[in-house]
């Protein structure tokens, strides 16, 4: 079954996503297969082509930063569906995991 294609600009607020292909963000942080988080919002700084994804995971609120330049993470941003999948029916799962710790 084909997965829908989407960019990092098209994530759904409050949806949970799981990494299926590892990637490194602008800060050099590795995001391994199996990592999951709930997407909250994004910020974009056009002057520096900076994209920040605001997420919640088991460690609390954090950000994943990218730079939308060809020599940086433009390919990851534009083909984000190659790196993450939406976890169907899991809305609220991250919040529950945080409350159990």
C-alpha atoms as a PDB file:
ATOM      1  CA  UNK A   1       0.000   0.000   0.000  1.00  0.00           C
ATOM      2  CA  UNK A   2       1.372   3.409  -0.951  1.00  0.00           C
ATOM      3  CA  UNK A   3       1.836   5.977   1.768  1.00  0.00           C
ATOM      4  CA  UNK A   4       0.699   9.544   1.102  1.00  0.00           C
ATOM      5  CA  UNK A   5       3.491  11.993   0.239  1.00  0.00           C
ATOM      6  CA  UNK A   6       3.893  15.148   2.312  1.00  0.00           C
ATOM      7  CA  UNK A   7       6.495  17.735   3.210  1.00  0.00           C
ATOM      8  CA  UNK A   8       7.467  18.897   6.688  1.00  0.00           C
ATOM      9  CA  UNK A   9       5.236  21.923   6.056  1.00  0.00           C
ATOM     10  CA  UNK A  10       2.159  19.665   5.823  1.00  0.00           C
ATOM     11  CA  UNK A  11       2.174  17.892   9.179  1.00  0.00           C
ATOM     12  CA  UNK A  12      -1.131  17.724  11.037  1.00  0.00           C
ATOM     13  CA  UNK A  13      -1.367  19.430  14.421  1.00  0.00           C
ATOM     14  CA  UNK A  14      -1.759  16.950  17.311  1.00  0.00           C
ATOM     15  CA  UNK A  15      -0.992  13.967  15.056  1.00  0.00           C
ATOM     16  CA  UNK A  16       1.625  11.462  16.191  1.00  0.00           C
ATOM     17  CA  UNK A  17       4.474  10.624  13.809  1.00  0.00           C
ATOM     18  CA  UNK A  18       7.039   7.799  13.879  1.00  0.00           C
ATOM     19  CA  UNK A  19      10.447   7.875  12.177  1.00  0.00           C
ATOM     20  CA  UNK A  20      10.816   5.137   9.526  1.00  0.00           C
ATOM     21  CA  UNK A  21      14.080   6.342   7.935  1.00  0.00           C
ATOM     22  CA  UNK A  22      16.771   7.864  10.144  1.00  0.00           C
ATOM     23  CA  UNK A  23      17.777  11.476   9.571  1.00  0.00           C
ATOM     24  CA  UNK A  24      19.822  14.264  11.141  1.00  0.00           C
ATOM     25  CA  UNK A  25      18.368  17.696  11.751  1.00  0.00           C
ATOM     26  CA  UNK A  26      20.062  21.101  11.423  1.00  0.00           C
ATOM     27  CA  UNK A  27      21.630  20.753  14.875  1.00  0.00           C
ATOM     28  CA  UNK A  28      23.154  17.366  14.005  1.00  0.00           C
ATOM     29  CA  UNK A  29      20.718  15.496  16.243  1.00  0.00           C
ATOM     30  CA  UNK A  30      20.025  11.981  14.971  1.00  0.00           C
ATOM     31  CA  UNK A  31      16.416  10.849  14.743  1.00  0.00           C
ATOM     32  CA  UNK A  32      16.474   7.034  14.683  1.00  0.00           C
ATOM     33  CA  UNK A  33      13.899   4.598  13.335  1.00  0.00           C
ATOM     34  CA  UNK A  34      11.131   4.134  15.889  1.00  0.00           C
ATOM     35  CA  UNK A  35      11.373   7.601  17.424  1.00  0.00           C
ATOM     36  CA  UNK A  36       7.887   9.037  17.823  1.00  0.00           C
ATOM     37  CA  UNK A  37       6.419  12.380  18.786  1.00  0.00           C
ATOM     38  CA  UNK A  38       3.291  14.465  18.552  1.00  0.00           C
ATOM     39  CA  UNK A  39       3.521  17.425  16.194  1.00  0.00           C
ATOM     40  CA  UNK A  40       2.222  20.705  17.647  1.00  0.00           C
ATOM     41  CA  UNK A  41       3.190  23.571  15.317  1.00  0.00           C
ATOM     42  CA  UNK A  42       5.900  25.038  13.125  1.00  0.00           C
ATOM     43  CA  UNK A  43       7.800  28.280  12.772  1.00  0.00           C
ATOM     44  CA  UNK A  44       9.535  29.463   9.616  1.00  0.00           C
ATOM     45  CA  UNK A  45      12.192  32.142   9.425  1.00  0.00           C
ATOM     46  CA  UNK A  46      12.345  33.124   5.718  1.00  0.00           C
ATOM     47  CA  UNK A  47      15.520  35.192   5.999  1.00  0.00           C
ATOM     48  CA  UNK A  48      17.552  32.095   6.960  1.00  0.00           C
ATOM     49  CA  UNK A  49      15.142  29.486   5.539  1.00  0.00           C
ATOM     50  CA  UNK A  50      14.839  28.059   9.027  1.00  0.00           C
ATOM     51  CA  UNK A  51      12.037  25.602   9.746  1.00  0.00           C
ATOM     52  CA  UNK A  52      11.326  24.602  13.343  1.00  0.00           C
ATOM     53  CA  UNK A  53       8.917  21.778  14.172  1.00  0.00           C
ATOM     54  CA  UNK A  54       7.545  22.066  17.702  1.00  0.00           C
ATOM     55  CA  UNK A  55       6.835  18.615  19.099  1.00  0.00           C
ATOM     56  CA  UNK A  56       5.949  16.740  22.275  1.00  0.00           C
ATOM     57  CA  UNK A  57       7.589  13.424  23.087  1.00  0.00           C
ATOM     58  CA  UNK A  58       8.221  11.330  26.190  1.00  0.00           C
ATOM     59  CA  UNK A  59      10.844  13.892  27.289  1.00  0.00           C
ATOM     60  CA  UNK A  60       8.432  16.833  27.022  1.00  0.00           C
ATOM     61  CA  UNK A  61       8.267  19.721  24.579  1.00  0.00           C
ATOM     62  CA  UNK A  62      11.154  20.207  22.189  1.00  0.00           C
ATOM     63  CA  UNK A  63      12.001  21.406  18.685  1.00  0.00           C
ATOM     64  CA  UNK A  64      13.401  19.837  15.552  1.00  0.00           C
ATOM     65  CA  UNK A  65      15.169  22.412  13.382  1.00  0.00           C
ATOM     66  CA  UNK A  66      15.922  22.321   9.653  1.00  0.00           C
ATOM     67  CA  UNK A  67      17.371  24.699   7.118  1.00  0.00           C
ATOM     68  CA  UNK A  68      15.526  24.812   3.798  1.00  0.00           C
ATOM     69  CA  UNK A  69      18.609  25.067   1.565  1.00  0.00           C
ATOM     70  CA  UNK A  70      19.790  22.440  -0.971  1.00  0.00           C
ATOM     71  CA  UNK A  71      23.104  22.034   0.871  1.00  0.00           C
ATOM     72  CA  UNK A  72      21.284  21.575   4.192  1.00  0.00           C
ATOM     73  CA  UNK A  73      17.998  19.694   4.860  1.00  0.00           C
ATOM     74  CA  UNK A  74      15.873  20.826   1.896  1.00  0.00           C
ATOM     75  CA  UNK A  75      15.561  17.249   0.607  1.00  0.00           C
ATOM     76  CA  UNK A  76      14.372  15.987   4.009  1.00  0.00           C
ATOM     77  CA  UNK A  77      11.845  18.833   4.335  1.00  0.00           C
ATOM     78  CA  UNK A  78      10.397  18.294   0.852  1.00  0.00           C
ATOM     79  CA  UNK A  79      10.120  14.511   1.170  1.00  0.00           C
ATOM     80  CA  UNK A  80       9.338  14.237   4.878  1.00  0.00           C
ATOM     81  CA  UNK A  81       6.955  11.344   4.177  1.00  0.00           C
ATOM     82  CA  UNK A  82      10.042   9.269   3.275  1.00  0.00           C
ATOM     83  CA  UNK A  83      11.282   9.784   6.843  1.00  0.00           C
ATOM     84  CA  UNK A  84       8.174   9.741   9.040  1.00  0.00           C
ATOM     85  CA  UNK A  85       4.702   8.214   8.953  1.00  0.00           C
ATOM     86  CA  UNK A  86       1.592   9.305  10.766  1.00  0.00           C
ATOM     87  CA  UNK A  87       0.585   6.801  13.416  1.00  0.00           C
ATOM     88  CA  UNK A  88      -3.094   6.179  12.836  1.00  0.00           C
ATOM     89  CA  UNK A  89      -5.388   6.243  15.853  1.00  0.00           C
ATOM     90  CA  UNK A  90      -2.637   7.182  18.286  1.00  0.00           C
ATOM     91  CA  UNK A  91      -3.700  10.710  19.156  1.00  0.00           C
ATOM     92  CA  UNK A  92      -2.982  11.172  22.839  1.00  0.00           C
ATOM     93  CA  UNK A  93      -0.498   8.303  23.109  1.00  0.00           C
ATOM     94  CA  UNK A  94       2.507  10.522  23.763  1.00  0.00           C
ATOM     95  CA  UNK A  95       0.707  12.502  26.478  1.00  0.00           C
ATOM     96  CA  UNK A  96      -0.264   9.260  28.225  1.00  0.00           C
ATOM     97  CA  UNK A  97       3.330   8.001  28.087  1.00  0.00           C
ATOM     98  CA  UNK A  98       4.588  11.242  29.619  1.00  0.00           C
ATOM     99  CA  UNK A  99       2.068  11.024  32.467  1.00  0.00           C
ATOM    100  CA  UNK A 100       3.109   7.460  33.294  1.00  0.00           C
ATOM    101  CA  UNK A 101       6.784   8.331  33.830  1.00  0.00           C
END
